[in-house]
Amino acid sequence: MRYPVMLERVPEEEGLPGYFYAHVPSLGLTTNGHGMEGALDSARDLVALWNEEKRFNGEPVTDVSEAILATVEVA
Protein backbone atom coordinates (compact mmCIF):
# COMPACT_ATOMS: atom_id res chain seq x y z
CA MET A 1 0.00 0.00 0.00
CA ARG A 2 1.12 3.54 -0.73
CA TYR A 3 0.40 6.31 1.75
CA PRO A 4 0.84 10.05 1.13
CA VAL A 5 3.40 11.61 3.47
CA MET A 6 3.80 15.33 4.08
CA LEU A 7 7.25 16.51 5.15
CA GLU A 8 7.79 19.59 7.28
CA ARG A 9 11.09 20.93 8.61
CA VAL A 10 11.30 20.79 12.42
CA PRO A 11 11.55 24.39 13.68
CA GLU A 12 15.03 25.44 14.83
CA GLU A 13 13.76 26.30 18.32
CA GLU A 14 12.99 22.63 18.89
CA GLY A 15 16.73 21.89 18.84
CA LEU A 16 16.76 19.23 16.12
CA PRO A 17 18.72 20.79 13.26
CA GLY A 18 18.33 18.94 9.97
CA TYR A 19 15.25 17.02 11.13
CA PHE A 20 11.89 16.80 9.38
CA TYR A 21 8.45 15.81 10.56
CA ALA A 22 6.71 13.20 8.44
CA HIS A 23 2.91 13.41 8.65
CA VAL A 24 0.77 10.53 7.36
CA PRO A 25 -2.67 12.19 7.02
CA SER A 26 -4.55 8.99 6.11
CA LEU A 27 -3.68 7.51 9.50
CA GLY A 28 -3.28 10.63 11.65
CA LEU A 29 0.33 9.67 12.40
CA THR A 30 3.42 11.87 12.74
CA THR A 31 7.05 10.92 13.24
CA ASN A 32 10.40 12.54 12.48
CA GLY A 33 13.85 11.77 11.17
CA HIS A 34 17.14 13.33 10.17
CA GLY A 35 16.84 14.74 6.67
CA MET A 36 13.97 14.04 4.32
CA GLU A 37 15.05 10.44 3.71
CA GLY A 38 15.33 9.79 7.45
CA ALA A 39 11.83 11.17 7.98
CA LEU A 40 10.46 9.02 5.16
CA ASP A 41 12.20 5.94 6.57
CA SER A 42 10.65 6.67 9.98
CA ALA A 43 7.22 7.09 8.39
CA ARG A 44 7.59 3.80 6.51
CA ASP A 45 8.50 1.97 9.72
CA LEU A 46 5.68 3.60 11.70
CA VAL A 47 3.03 2.79 9.08
CA ALA A 48 4.24 -0.81 8.83
CA LEU A 49 4.01 -1.22 12.63
CA TRP A 50 0.62 0.51 12.71
CA ASN A 51 -0.78 -1.83 10.07
CA GLU A 52 0.78 -4.88 11.74
CA GLU A 53 -0.89 -3.98 15.04
CA LYS A 54 -4.25 -3.47 13.30
CA ARG A 55 -4.02 -6.90 11.65
CA PHE A 56 -2.92 -8.54 14.91
CA ASN A 57 -5.99 -7.11 16.66
CA GLY A 58 -8.31 -8.20 13.85
CA GLU A 59 -9.02 -4.60 12.86
CA PRO A 60 -9.20 -3.43 9.25
CA VAL A 61 -6.20 -1.66 7.81
CA THR A 62 -7.10 1.93 6.94
CA ASP A 63 -7.57 2.62 3.26
CA VAL A 64 -5.28 5.14 1.67
CA SER A 65 -6.84 8.54 1.08
CA GLU A 66 -5.90 11.21 -1.40
CA ALA A 67 -3.80 13.98 0.11
CA ILE A 68 -4.00 17.55 -1.13
CA LEU A 69 -1.49 20.05 0.19
CA ALA A 70 -2.65 23.64 0.35
CA THR A 71 -1.22 26.76 1.94
CA VAL A 72 -3.11 29.60 3.60
CA GLU A 73 -1.72 33.02 4.34
CA VAL A 74 -2.58 34.62 7.67
CA ALA A 75 -1.81 38.22 8.55
PDB file of N, CA and C in Angstrom:
ATOM      1  N   MET A   1       0.842  -1.179   0.000  1.00  0.00           N
ATOM      2  CA  MET A   1       0.000   0.000   0.000  1.00  0.00           C
ATOM      3  C   MET A   1       0.887   1.242   0.000  1.00  0.00           C
ATOM      4  N   ARG A   2       0.389   2.271  -0.654  1.00  0.00           N
ATOM      5  CA  ARG A   2       1.123   3.538  -0.725  1.00  0.00           C
ATOM      6  C   ARG A   2       0.347   4.600   0.037  1.00  0.00           C
ATOM      7  N   TYR A   3       1.015   5.269   0.950  1.00  0.00           N
ATOM      8  CA  TYR A   3       0.395   6.313   1.754  1.00  0.00           C
ATOM      9  C   TYR A   3       1.050   7.653   1.460  1.00  0.00           C
ATOM     10  N   PRO A   4       0.258   8.716   1.282  1.00  0.00           N
ATOM     11  CA  PRO A   4       0.844  10.048   1.132  1.00  0.00           C
ATOM     12  C   PRO A   4       1.523  10.459   2.436  1.00  0.00           C
ATOM     13  N   VAL A   5       2.656  11.111   2.315  1.00  0.00           N
ATOM     14  CA  VAL A   5       3.403  11.607   3.468  1.00  0.00           C
ATOM     15  C   VAL A   5       3.747  13.072   3.213  1.00  0.00           C
ATOM     16  N   MET A   6       3.446  13.928   4.175  1.00  0.00           N
ATOM     17  CA  MET A   6       3.797  15.334   4.081  1.00  0.00           C
ATOM     18  C   MET A   6       5.018  15.589   4.965  1.00  0.00           C
ATOM     19  N   LEU A   7       6.036  16.194   4.399  1.00  0.00           N
ATOM     20  CA  LEU A   7       7.249  16.510   5.154  1.00  0.00           C
ATOM     21  C   LEU A   7       7.243  17.976   5.553  1.00  0.00           C
ATOM     22  N   GLU A   8       7.733  18.232   6.759  1.00  0.00           N
ATOM     23  CA  GLU A   8       7.788  19.593   7.284  1.00  0.00           C
ATOM     24  C   GLU A   8       9.063  19.714   8.126  1.00  0.00           C
ATOM     25  N   ARG A   9       9.854  20.732   7.848  1.00  0.00           N
ATOM     26  CA  ARG A   9      11.093  20.926   8.611  1.00  0.00           C
ATOM     27  C   ARG A   9      10.761  21.190  10.077  1.00  0.00           C
ATOM     28  N   VAL A  10      11.476  20.540  10.989  1.00  0.00           N
ATOM     29  CA  VAL A  10      11.301  20.787  12.420  1.00  0.00           C
ATOM     30  C   VAL A  10      11.860  22.174  12.714  1.00  0.00           C
ATOM     31  N   PRO A  11      11.082  23.030  13.393  1.00  0.00           N
ATOM     32  CA  PRO A  11      11.553  24.394  13.685  1.00  0.00           C
ATOM     33  C   PRO A  11      12.860  24.390  14.480  1.00  0.00           C
ATOM     34  N   GLU A  12      13.724  25.346  14.177  1.00  0.00           N
ATOM     35  CA  GLU A  12      15.028  25.436  14.833  1.00  0.00           C
ATOM     36  C   GLU A  12      14.925  25.479  16.352  1.00  0.00           C
ATOM     37  N   GLU A  13      13.887  26.153  16.866  1.00  0.00           N
ATOM     38  CA  GLU A  13      13.759  26.301  18.316  1.00  0.00           C
ATOM     39  C   GLU A  13      13.492  24.975  19.031  1.00  0.00           C
ATOM     40  N   GLU A  14      13.191  23.940  18.281  1.00  0.00           N
ATOM     41  CA  GLU A  14      12.991  22.625  18.895  1.00  0.00           C
ATOM     42  C   GLU A  14      14.310  21.877  19.081  1.00  0.00           C
ATOM     43  N   GLY A  15      15.407  22.454  18.578  1.00  0.00           N
ATOM     44  CA  GLY A  15      16.729  21.895  18.843  1.00  0.00           C
ATOM     45  C   GLY A  15      17.073  20.632  18.088  1.00  0.00           C
ATOM     46  N   LEU A  16      16.456  20.412  16.932  1.00  0.00           N
ATOM     47  CA  LEU A  16      16.761  19.232  16.122  1.00  0.00           C
ATOM     48  C   LEU A  16      17.158  19.679  14.708  1.00  0.00           C
ATOM     49  N   PRO A  17      18.331  20.279  14.579  1.00  0.00           N
ATOM     50  CA  PRO A  17      18.724  20.787  13.260  1.00  0.00           C
ATOM     51  C   PRO A  17      18.822  19.661  12.229  1.00  0.00           C
ATOM     52  N   GLY A  18      18.280  19.927  11.041  1.00  0.00           N
ATOM     53  CA  GLY A  18      18.329  18.944   9.970  1.00  0.00           C
ATOM     54  C   GLY A  18      17.231  17.900  10.025  1.00  0.00           C
ATOM     55  N   TYR A  19      16.323  18.002  10.997  1.00  0.00           N
ATOM     56  CA  TYR A  19      15.248  17.020  11.132  1.00  0.00           C
ATOM     57  C   TYR A  19      13.978  17.502  10.445  1.00  0.00           C
ATOM     58  N   PHE A  20      13.179  16.527  10.003  1.00  0.00           N
ATOM     59  CA  PHE A  20      11.892  16.804   9.377  1.00  0.00           C
ATOM     60  C   PHE A  20      10.815  15.980  10.055  1.00  0.00           C
ATOM     61  N   TYR A  21       9.617  16.574  10.166  1.00  0.00           N
ATOM     62  CA  TYR A  21       8.446  15.810  10.556  1.00  0.00           C
ATOM     63  C   TYR A  21       7.938  15.096   9.315  1.00  0.00           C
ATOM     64  N   ALA A  22       7.383  13.925   9.501  1.00  0.00           N
ATOM     65  CA  ALA A  22       6.711  13.195   8.437  1.00  0.00           C
ATOM     66  C   ALA A  22       5.298  12.913   8.920  1.00  0.00           C
ATOM     67  N   HIS A  23       4.320  13.570   8.292  1.00  0.00           N
ATOM     68  CA  HIS A  23       2.911  13.415   8.652  1.00  0.00           C
ATOM     69  C   HIS A  23       2.259  12.440   7.671  1.00  0.00           C
ATOM     70  N   VAL A  24       1.512  11.487   8.191  1.00  0.00           N
ATOM     71  CA  VAL A  24       0.766  10.530   7.364  1.00  0.00           C
ATOM     72  C   VAL A  24      -0.715  10.835   7.593  1.00  0.00           C
ATOM     73  N   PRO A  25      -1.291  11.740   6.776  1.00  0.00           N
ATOM     74  CA  PRO A  25      -2.667  12.190   7.019  1.00  0.00           C
ATOM     75  C   PRO A  25      -3.708  11.080   7.020  1.00  0.00           C
ATOM     76  N   SER A  26      -3.556  10.075   6.188  1.00  0.00           N
ATOM     77  CA  SER A  26      -4.545   8.993   6.113  1.00  0.00           C
ATOM     78  C   SER A  26      -4.715   8.270   7.445  1.00  0.00           C
ATOM     79  N   LEU A  27      -3.656   8.252   8.237  1.00  0.00           N
ATOM     80  CA  LEU A  27      -3.677   7.513   9.502  1.00  0.00           C
ATOM     81  C   LEU A  27      -3.622   8.417  10.725  1.00  0.00           C
ATOM     82  N   GLY A  28      -3.402   9.706  10.517  1.00  0.00           N
ATOM     83  CA  GLY A  28      -3.276  10.627  11.651  1.00  0.00           C
ATOM     84  C   GLY A  28      -2.001  10.400  12.430  1.00  0.00           C
ATOM     85  N   LEU A  29      -0.943   9.972  11.746  1.00  0.00           N
ATOM     86  CA  LEU A  29       0.329   9.673  12.399  1.00  0.00           C
ATOM     87  C   LEU A  29       1.386  10.715  12.043  1.00  0.00           C
ATOM     88  N   THR A  30       2.283  10.979  12.983  1.00  0.00           N
ATOM     89  CA  THR A  30       3.421  11.868  12.741  1.00  0.00           C
ATOM     90  C   THR A  30       4.643  11.272  13.408  1.00  0.00           C
ATOM     91  N   THR A  31       5.765  11.354  12.712  1.00  0.00           N
ATOM     92  CA  THR A  31       7.054  10.923  13.241  1.00  0.00           C
ATOM     93  C   THR A  31       8.089  11.914  12.751  1.00  0.00           C
ATOM     94  N   ASN A  32       9.355  11.647  12.992  1.00  0.00           N
ATOM     95  CA  ASN A  32      10.403  12.538  12.478  1.00  0.00           C
ATOM     96  C   ASN A  32      11.664  11.751  12.180  1.00  0.00           C
ATOM     97  N   GLY A  33      12.585  12.399  11.485  1.00  0.00           N
ATOM     98  CA  GLY A  33      13.853  11.766  11.170  1.00  0.00           C
ATOM     99  C   GLY A  33      14.840  12.791  10.658  1.00  0.00           C
ATOM    100  N   HIS A  34      16.098  12.422  10.642  1.00  0.00           N
ATOM    101  CA  HIS A  34      17.139  13.333  10.167  1.00  0.00           C
ATOM    102  C   HIS A  34      17.124  13.382   8.648  1.00  0.00           C
ATOM    103  N   GLY A  35      16.931  14.569   8.108  1.00  0.00           N
ATOM    104  CA  GLY A  35      16.835  14.736   6.668  1.00  0.00           C
ATOM    105  C   GLY A  35      15.511  14.194   6.157  1.00  0.00           C
ATOM    106  N   MET A  36      15.234  14.504   4.899  1.00  0.00           N
ATOM    107  CA  MET A  36      13.967  14.040   4.321  1.00  0.00           C
ATOM    108  C   MET A  36      13.917  12.523   4.216  1.00  0.00           C
ATOM    109  N   GLU A  37      15.032  11.909   3.832  1.00  0.00           N
ATOM    110  CA  GLU A  37      15.053  10.445   3.714  1.00  0.00           C
ATOM    111  C   GLU A  37      14.877   9.773   5.071  1.00  0.00           C
ATOM    112  N   GLY A  38      15.497  10.343   6.103  1.00  0.00           N
ATOM    113  CA  GLY A  38      15.331   9.790   7.446  1.00  0.00           C
ATOM    114  C   GLY A  38      13.890   9.877   7.921  1.00  0.00           C
ATOM    115  N   ALA A  39      13.235  11.006   7.603  1.00  0.00           N
ATOM    116  CA  ALA A  39      11.834  11.170   7.980  1.00  0.00           C
ATOM    117  C   ALA A  39      10.954  10.179   7.223  1.00  0.00           C
ATOM    118  N   LEU A  40      11.230   9.984   5.941  1.00  0.00           N
ATOM    119  CA  LEU A  40      10.455   9.018   5.156  1.00  0.00           C
ATOM    120  C   LEU A  40      10.682   7.593   5.649  1.00  0.00           C
ATOM    121  N   ASP A  41      11.917   7.264   6.014  1.00  0.00           N
ATOM    122  CA  ASP A  41      12.200   5.937   6.575  1.00  0.00           C
ATOM    123  C   ASP A  41      11.422   5.729   7.868  1.00  0.00           C
ATOM    124  N   SER A  42      11.394   6.761   8.723  1.00  0.00           N
ATOM    125  CA  SER A  42      10.655   6.667   9.981  1.00  0.00           C
ATOM    126  C   SER A  42       9.168   6.489   9.725  1.00  0.00           C
ATOM    127  N   ALA A  43       8.641   7.221   8.734  1.00  0.00           N
ATOM    128  CA  ALA A  43       7.216   7.094   8.392  1.00  0.00           C
ATOM    129  C   ALA A  43       6.905   5.695   7.889  1.00  0.00           C
ATOM    130  N   ARG A  44       7.780   5.161   7.047  1.00  0.00           N
ATOM    131  CA  ARG A  44       7.585   3.803   6.512  1.00  0.00           C
ATOM    132  C   ARG A  44       7.532   2.782   7.653  1.00  0.00           C
ATOM    133  N   ASP A  45       8.470   2.894   8.584  1.00  0.00           N
ATOM    134  CA  ASP A  45       8.499   1.974   9.725  1.00  0.00           C
ATOM    135  C   ASP A  45       7.249   2.113  10.593  1.00  0.00           C
ATOM    136  N   LEU A  46       6.846   3.359  10.846  1.00  0.00           N
ATOM    137  CA  LEU A  46       5.684   3.602  11.696  1.00  0.00           C
ATOM    138  C   LEU A  46       4.414   3.056  11.057  1.00  0.00           C
ATOM    139  N   VAL A  47       4.223   3.291   9.765  1.00  0.00           N
ATOM    140  CA  VAL A  47       3.028   2.792   9.076  1.00  0.00           C
ATOM    141  C   VAL A  47       3.016   1.262   9.061  1.00  0.00           C
ATOM    142  N   ALA A  48       4.171   0.654   8.826  1.00  0.00           N
ATOM    143  CA  ALA A  48       4.243  -0.808   8.831  1.00  0.00           C
ATOM    144  C   ALA A  48       3.853  -1.366  10.201  1.00  0.00           C
ATOM    145  N   LEU A  49       4.352  -0.763  11.274  1.00  0.00           N
ATOM    146  CA  LEU A  49       4.010  -1.215  12.629  1.00  0.00           C
ATOM    147  C   LEU A  49       2.539  -0.966  12.934  1.00  0.00           C
ATOM    148  N   TRP A  50       2.026   0.177  12.504  1.00  0.00           N
ATOM    149  CA  TRP A  50       0.623   0.513  12.711  1.00  0.00           C
ATOM    150  C   TRP A  50      -0.275  -0.538  12.054  1.00  0.00           C
ATOM    151  N   ASN A  51       0.017  -0.842  10.796  1.00  0.00           N
ATOM    152  CA  ASN A  51      -0.782  -1.833  10.070  1.00  0.00           C
ATOM    153  C   ASN A  51      -0.641  -3.227  10.671  1.00  0.00           C
ATOM    154  N   GLU A  52       0.561  -3.569  11.107  1.00  0.00           N
ATOM    155  CA  GLU A  52       0.785  -4.877  11.740  1.00  0.00           C
ATOM    156  C   GLU A  52      -0.054  -5.004  13.011  1.00  0.00           C
ATOM    157  N   GLU A  53      -0.096  -3.951  13.810  1.00  0.00           N
ATOM    158  CA  GLU A  53      -0.890  -3.977  15.040  1.00  0.00           C
ATOM    159  C   GLU A  53      -2.381  -4.099  14.723  1.00  0.00           C
ATOM    160  N   LYS A  54      -2.838  -3.378  13.703  1.00  0.00           N
ATOM    161  CA  LYS A  54      -4.248  -3.465  13.305  1.00  0.00           C
ATOM    162  C   LYS A  54      -4.596  -4.907  12.913  1.00  0.00           C
ATOM    163  N   ARG A  55      -3.762  -5.514  12.090  1.00  0.00           N
ATOM    164  CA  ARG A  55      -4.017  -6.898  11.648  1.00  0.00           C
ATOM    165  C   ARG A  55      -4.001  -7.862  12.831  1.00  0.00           C
ATOM    166  N   PHE A  56      -3.040  -7.688  13.734  1.00  0.00           N
ATOM    167  CA  PHE A  56      -2.919  -8.542  14.911  1.00  0.00           C
ATOM    168  C   PHE A  56      -4.187  -8.488  15.759  1.00  0.00           C
ATOM    169  N   ASN A  57      -4.784  -7.293  15.849  1.00  0.00           N
ATOM    170  CA  ASN A  57      -5.992  -7.109  16.658  1.00  0.00           C
ATOM    171  C   ASN A  57      -7.275  -7.386  15.886  1.00  0.00           C
ATOM    172  N   GLY A  58      -7.142  -7.877  14.646  1.00  0.00           N
ATOM    173  CA  GLY A  58      -8.310  -8.205  13.846  1.00  0.00           C
ATOM    174  C   GLY A  58      -9.064  -6.986  13.331  1.00  0.00           C
ATOM    175  N   GLU A  59      -8.398  -5.838  13.330  1.00  0.00           N
ATOM    176  CA  GLU A  59      -9.019  -4.603  12.857  1.00  0.00           C
ATOM    177  C   GLU A  59      -8.660  -4.388  11.389  1.00  0.00           C
ATOM    178  N   PRO A  60      -9.521  -3.700  10.658  1.00  0.00           N
ATOM    179  CA  PRO A  60      -9.204  -3.434   9.254  1.00  0.00           C
ATOM    180  C   PRO A  60      -8.065  -2.419   9.124  1.00  0.00           C
ATOM    181  N   VAL A  61      -7.266  -2.609   8.114  1.00  0.00           N
ATOM    182  CA  VAL A  61      -6.203  -1.655   7.811  1.00  0.00           C
ATOM    183  C   VAL A  61      -6.840  -0.483   7.080  1.00  0.00           C
ATOM    184  N   THR A  62      -6.517   0.725   7.508  1.00  0.00           N
ATOM    185  CA  THR A  62      -7.101   1.935   6.942  1.00  0.00           C
ATOM    186  C   THR A  62      -6.757   2.083   5.471  1.00  0.00           C
ATOM    187  N   ASP A  63      -7.789   2.352   4.675  1.00  0.00           N
ATOM    188  CA  ASP A  63      -7.567   2.617   3.256  1.00  0.00           C
ATOM    189  C   ASP A  63      -6.781   3.904   3.087  1.00  0.00           C
ATOM    190  N   VAL A  64      -6.067   3.959   2.001  1.00  0.00           N
ATOM    191  CA  VAL A  64      -5.284   5.144   1.674  1.00  0.00           C
ATOM    192  C   VAL A  64      -6.229   6.211   1.141  1.00  0.00           C
ATOM    193  N   SER A  65      -6.036   7.448   1.602  1.00  0.00           N
ATOM    194  CA  SER A  65      -6.844   8.543   1.081  1.00  0.00           C
ATOM    195  C   SER A  65      -5.974   9.475   0.261  1.00  0.00           C
ATOM    196  N   GLU A  66      -6.616  10.230  -0.593  1.00  0.00           N
ATOM    197  CA  GLU A  66      -5.899  11.207  -1.401  1.00  0.00           C
ATOM    198  C   GLU A  66      -5.475  12.363  -0.499  1.00  0.00           C
ATOM    199  N   ALA A  67      -4.279  12.842  -0.674  1.00  0.00           N
ATOM    200  CA  ALA A  67      -3.802  13.984   0.105  1.00  0.00           C
ATOM    201  C   ALA A  67      -3.635  15.173  -0.833  1.00  0.00           C
ATOM    202  N   ILE A  68      -4.137  16.300  -0.379  1.00  0.00           N
ATOM    203  CA  ILE A  68      -3.998  17.552  -1.127  1.00  0.00           C
ATOM    204  C   ILE A  68      -3.319  18.539  -0.197  1.00  0.00           C
ATOM    205  N   LEU A  69      -2.221  19.080  -0.616  1.00  0.00           N
ATOM    206  CA  LEU A  69      -1.491  20.054   0.191  1.00  0.00           C
ATOM    207  C   LEU A  69      -1.877  21.447  -0.271  1.00  0.00           C
ATOM    208  N   ALA A  70      -2.301  22.262   0.655  1.00  0.00           N
ATOM    209  CA  ALA A  70      -2.652  23.640   0.352  1.00  0.00           C
ATOM    210  C   ALA A  70      -1.978  24.543   1.380  1.00  0.00           C
ATOM    211  N   THR A  71      -1.837  25.787   1.044  1.00  0.00           N
ATOM    212  CA  THR A  71      -1.224  26.761   1.937  1.00  0.00           C
ATOM    213  C   THR A  71      -2.187  27.923   2.122  1.00  0.00           C
ATOM    214  N   VAL A  72      -2.316  28.401   3.333  1.00  0.00           N
ATOM    215  CA  VAL A  72      -3.110  29.597   3.603  1.00  0.00           C
ATOM    216  C   VAL A  72      -2.196  30.670   4.149  1.00  0.00           C
ATOM    217  N   GLU A  73      -2.503  31.893   3.839  1.00  0.00           N
ATOM    218  CA  GLU A  73      -1.715  33.020   4.341  1.00  0.00           C
ATOM    219  C   GLU A  73      -2.531  33.716   5.408  1.00  0.00           C
ATOM    220  N   VAL A  74      -1.907  33.969   6.557  1.00  0.00           N
ATOM    221  CA  VAL A  74      -2.577  34.617   7.669  1.00  0.00           C
ATOM    222  C   VAL A  74      -1.778  35.855   8.044  1.00  0.00           C
ATOM    223  N   ALA A  75      -2.477  36.962   8.192  1.00  0.00           N
ATOM    224  CA  ALA A  75      -1.807  38.222   8.549  1.00  0.00           C
ATOM    225  C   ALA A  75      -1.460  38.269  10.007  1.00  0.00           C
TER     226      ALA A  75
END
